[in-house]
Amino acid sequence: MKTLEDVLQSQGITSENIEGTVWSFPVFPN
């Protein structure tokens, strides 16, 4: 079973750029 981190990394999303991804993809309400 993959962890959430494994899934994100498989999609090219890492902890290094997750913040930039969130800001460029404002899905979550402030």
PDB file of N, CA and C in Angstrom:
ATOM      1  N   MET A   1       0.848  -1.196   0.000  1.00  0.00           N
ATOM      2  CA  MET A   1       0.000   0.000   0.000  1.00  0.00           C
ATOM      3  C   MET A   1       0.884   1.248   0.000  1.00  0.00           C
ATOM      4  N   LYS A   2       0.618   2.121  -0.931  1.00  0.00           N
ATOM      5  CA  LYS A   2       1.423   3.336  -1.026  1.00  0.00           C
ATOM      6  C   LYS A   2       0.969   4.349   0.017  1.00  0.00           C
ATOM      7  N   THR A   3       1.940   5.108   0.482  1.00  0.00           N
ATOM      8  CA  THR A   3       1.608   6.192   1.394  1.00  0.00           C
ATOM      9  C   THR A   3       1.287   7.437   0.582  1.00  0.00           C
ATOM     10  N   LEU A   4       0.737   8.429   1.243  1.00  0.00           N
ATOM     11  CA  LEU A   4       0.408   9.666   0.542  1.00  0.00           C
ATOM     12  C   LEU A   4       1.665  10.271  -0.076  1.00  0.00           C
ATOM     13  N   GLU A   5       2.788  10.165   0.658  1.00  0.00           N
ATOM     14  CA  GLU A   5       4.043  10.721   0.154  1.00  0.00           C
ATOM     15  C   GLU A   5       4.482  10.013  -1.115  1.00  0.00           C
ATOM     16  N   ASP A   6       4.303   8.685  -1.147  1.00  0.00           N
ATOM     17  CA  ASP A   6       4.675   7.916  -2.340  1.00  0.00           C
ATOM     18  C   ASP A   6       3.850   8.361  -3.541  1.00  0.00           C
ATOM     19  N   VAL A   7       2.571   8.562  -3.320  1.00  0.00           N
ATOM     20  CA  VAL A   7       1.684   8.979  -4.408  1.00  0.00           C
ATOM     21  C   VAL A   7       2.077  10.356  -4.925  1.00  0.00           C
ATOM     22  N   LEU A   8       2.345  11.278  -3.995  1.00  0.00           N
ATOM     23  CA  LEU A   8       2.715  12.629  -4.399  1.00  0.00           C
ATOM     24  C   LEU A   8       4.025  12.624  -5.165  1.00  0.00           C
ATOM     25  N   GLN A   9       5.000  11.849  -4.682  1.00  0.00           N
ATOM     26  CA  GLN A   9       6.297  11.809  -5.354  1.00  0.00           C
ATOM     27  C   GLN A   9       6.166  11.178  -6.732  1.00  0.00           C
ATOM     28  N   SER A  10       5.278  10.204  -6.872  1.00  0.00           N
ATOM     29  CA  SER A  10       5.094   9.559  -8.169  1.00  0.00           C
ATOM     30  C   SER A  10       4.489  10.537  -9.173  1.00  0.00           C
ATOM     31  N   GLN A  11       3.835  11.586  -8.647  1.00  0.00           N
ATOM     32  CA  GLN A  11       3.247  12.602  -9.511  1.00  0.00           C
ATOM     33  C   GLN A  11       4.188  13.793  -9.681  1.00  0.00           C
ATOM     34  N   GLY A  12       5.415  13.657  -9.164  1.00  0.00           N
ATOM     35  CA  GLY A  12       6.394  14.730  -9.304  1.00  0.00           C
ATOM     36  C   GLY A  12       6.237  15.807  -8.254  1.00  0.00           C
ATOM     37  N   ILE A  13       5.494  15.493  -7.193  1.00  0.00           N
ATOM     38  CA  ILE A  13       5.280  16.471  -6.130  1.00  0.00           C
ATOM     39  C   ILE A  13       6.109  16.070  -4.917  1.00  0.00           C
ATOM     40  N   THR A  14       7.001  16.955  -4.499  1.00  0.00           N
ATOM     41  CA  THR A  14       7.833  16.671  -3.336  1.00  0.00           C
ATOM     42  C   THR A  14       7.635  17.755  -2.289  1.00  0.00           C
ATOM     43  N   SER A  15       8.160  17.523  -1.106  1.00  0.00           N
ATOM     44  CA  SER A  15       8.030  18.497  -0.029  1.00  0.00           C
ATOM     45  C   SER A  15       8.723  19.805  -0.389  1.00  0.00           C
ATOM     46  N   GLU A  16       9.659  19.737  -1.349  1.00  0.00           N
ATOM     47  CA  GLU A  16      10.394  20.936  -1.729  1.00  0.00           C
ATOM     48  C   GLU A  16       9.524  21.899  -2.548  1.00  0.00           C
ATOM     49  N   ASN A  17       8.584  21.359  -3.332  1.00  0.00           N
ATOM     50  CA  ASN A  17       7.788  22.236  -4.194  1.00  0.00           C
ATOM     51  C   ASN A  17       6.293  22.163  -3.897  1.00  0.00           C
ATOM     52  N   ILE A  18       5.929  21.500  -2.797  1.00  0.00           N
ATOM     53  CA  ILE A  18       4.505  21.352  -2.482  1.00  0.00           C
ATOM     54  C   ILE A  18       3.866  22.707  -2.193  1.00  0.00           C
ATOM     55  N   GLU A  19       4.611  23.602  -1.554  1.00  0.00           N
ATOM     56  CA  GLU A  19       4.048  24.918  -1.241  1.00  0.00           C
ATOM     57  C   GLU A  19       3.772  25.697  -2.513  1.00  0.00           C
ATOM     58  N   GLY A  20       4.700  25.624  -3.463  1.00  0.00           N
ATOM     59  CA  GLY A  20       4.497  26.298  -4.739  1.00  0.00           C
ATOM     60  C   GLY A  20       3.334  25.688  -5.504  1.00  0.00           C
ATOM     61  N   THR A  21       3.175  24.374  -5.365  1.00  0.00           N
ATOM     62  CA  THR A  21       2.078  23.692  -6.036  1.00  0.00           C
ATOM     63  C   THR A  21       0.741  24.137  -5.460  1.00  0.00           C
ATOM     64  N   VAL A  22       0.696  24.280  -4.150  1.00  0.00           N
ATOM     65  CA  VAL A  22      -0.541  24.706  -3.489  1.00  0.00           C
ATOM     66  C   VAL A  22      -0.919  26.110  -3.928  1.00  0.00           C
ATOM     67  N   TRP A  23       0.090  26.985  -4.026  1.00  0.00           N
ATOM     68  CA  TRP A  23      -0.204  28.370  -4.399  1.00  0.00           C
ATOM     69  C   TRP A  23      -0.600  28.477  -5.865  1.00  0.00           C
ATOM     70  N   SER A  24      -0.066  27.610  -6.700  1.00  0.00           N
ATOM     71  CA  SER A  24      -0.420  27.660  -8.115  1.00  0.00           C
ATOM     72  C   SER A  24      -1.709  26.887  -8.381  1.00  0.00           C
ATOM     73  N   PHE A  25      -2.123  26.113  -7.384  1.00  0.00           N
ATOM     74  CA  PHE A  25      -3.347  25.326  -7.512  1.00  0.00           C
ATOM     75  C   PHE A  25      -4.205  25.556  -6.266  1.00  0.00           C
ATOM     76  N   PRO A  26      -4.750  26.770  -6.116  1.00  0.00           N
ATOM     77  CA  PRO A  26      -5.468  27.141  -4.891  1.00  0.00           C
ATOM     78  C   PRO A  26      -6.793  26.401  -4.743  1.00  0.00           C
ATOM     79  N   VAL A  27      -6.712  25.134  -4.393  1.00  0.00           N
ATOM     80  CA  VAL A  27      -7.914  24.323  -4.249  1.00  0.00           C
ATOM     81  C   VAL A  27      -8.504  24.487  -2.854  1.00  0.00           C
ATOM     82  N   PHE A  28      -7.599  24.630  -1.863  1.00  0.00           N
ATOM     83  CA  PHE A  28      -8.056  24.677  -0.485  1.00  0.00           C
ATOM     84  C   PHE A  28      -8.431  26.098  -0.085  1.00  0.00           C
ATOM     85  N   PRO A  29      -9.547  26.273   0.597  1.00  0.00           N
ATOM     86  CA  PRO A  29      -9.963  27.605   1.063  1.00  0.00           C
ATOM     87  C   PRO A  29      -9.031  28.110   2.152  1.00  0.00           C
ATOM     88  N   ASN A  30      -8.883  29.408   2.230  1.00  0.00           N
ATOM     89  CA  ASN A  30      -7.995  29.988   3.247  1.00  0.00           C
ATOM     90  C   ASN A  30      -8.709  30.076   4.586  1.00  0.00           C
TER      91      ASN A  30
END
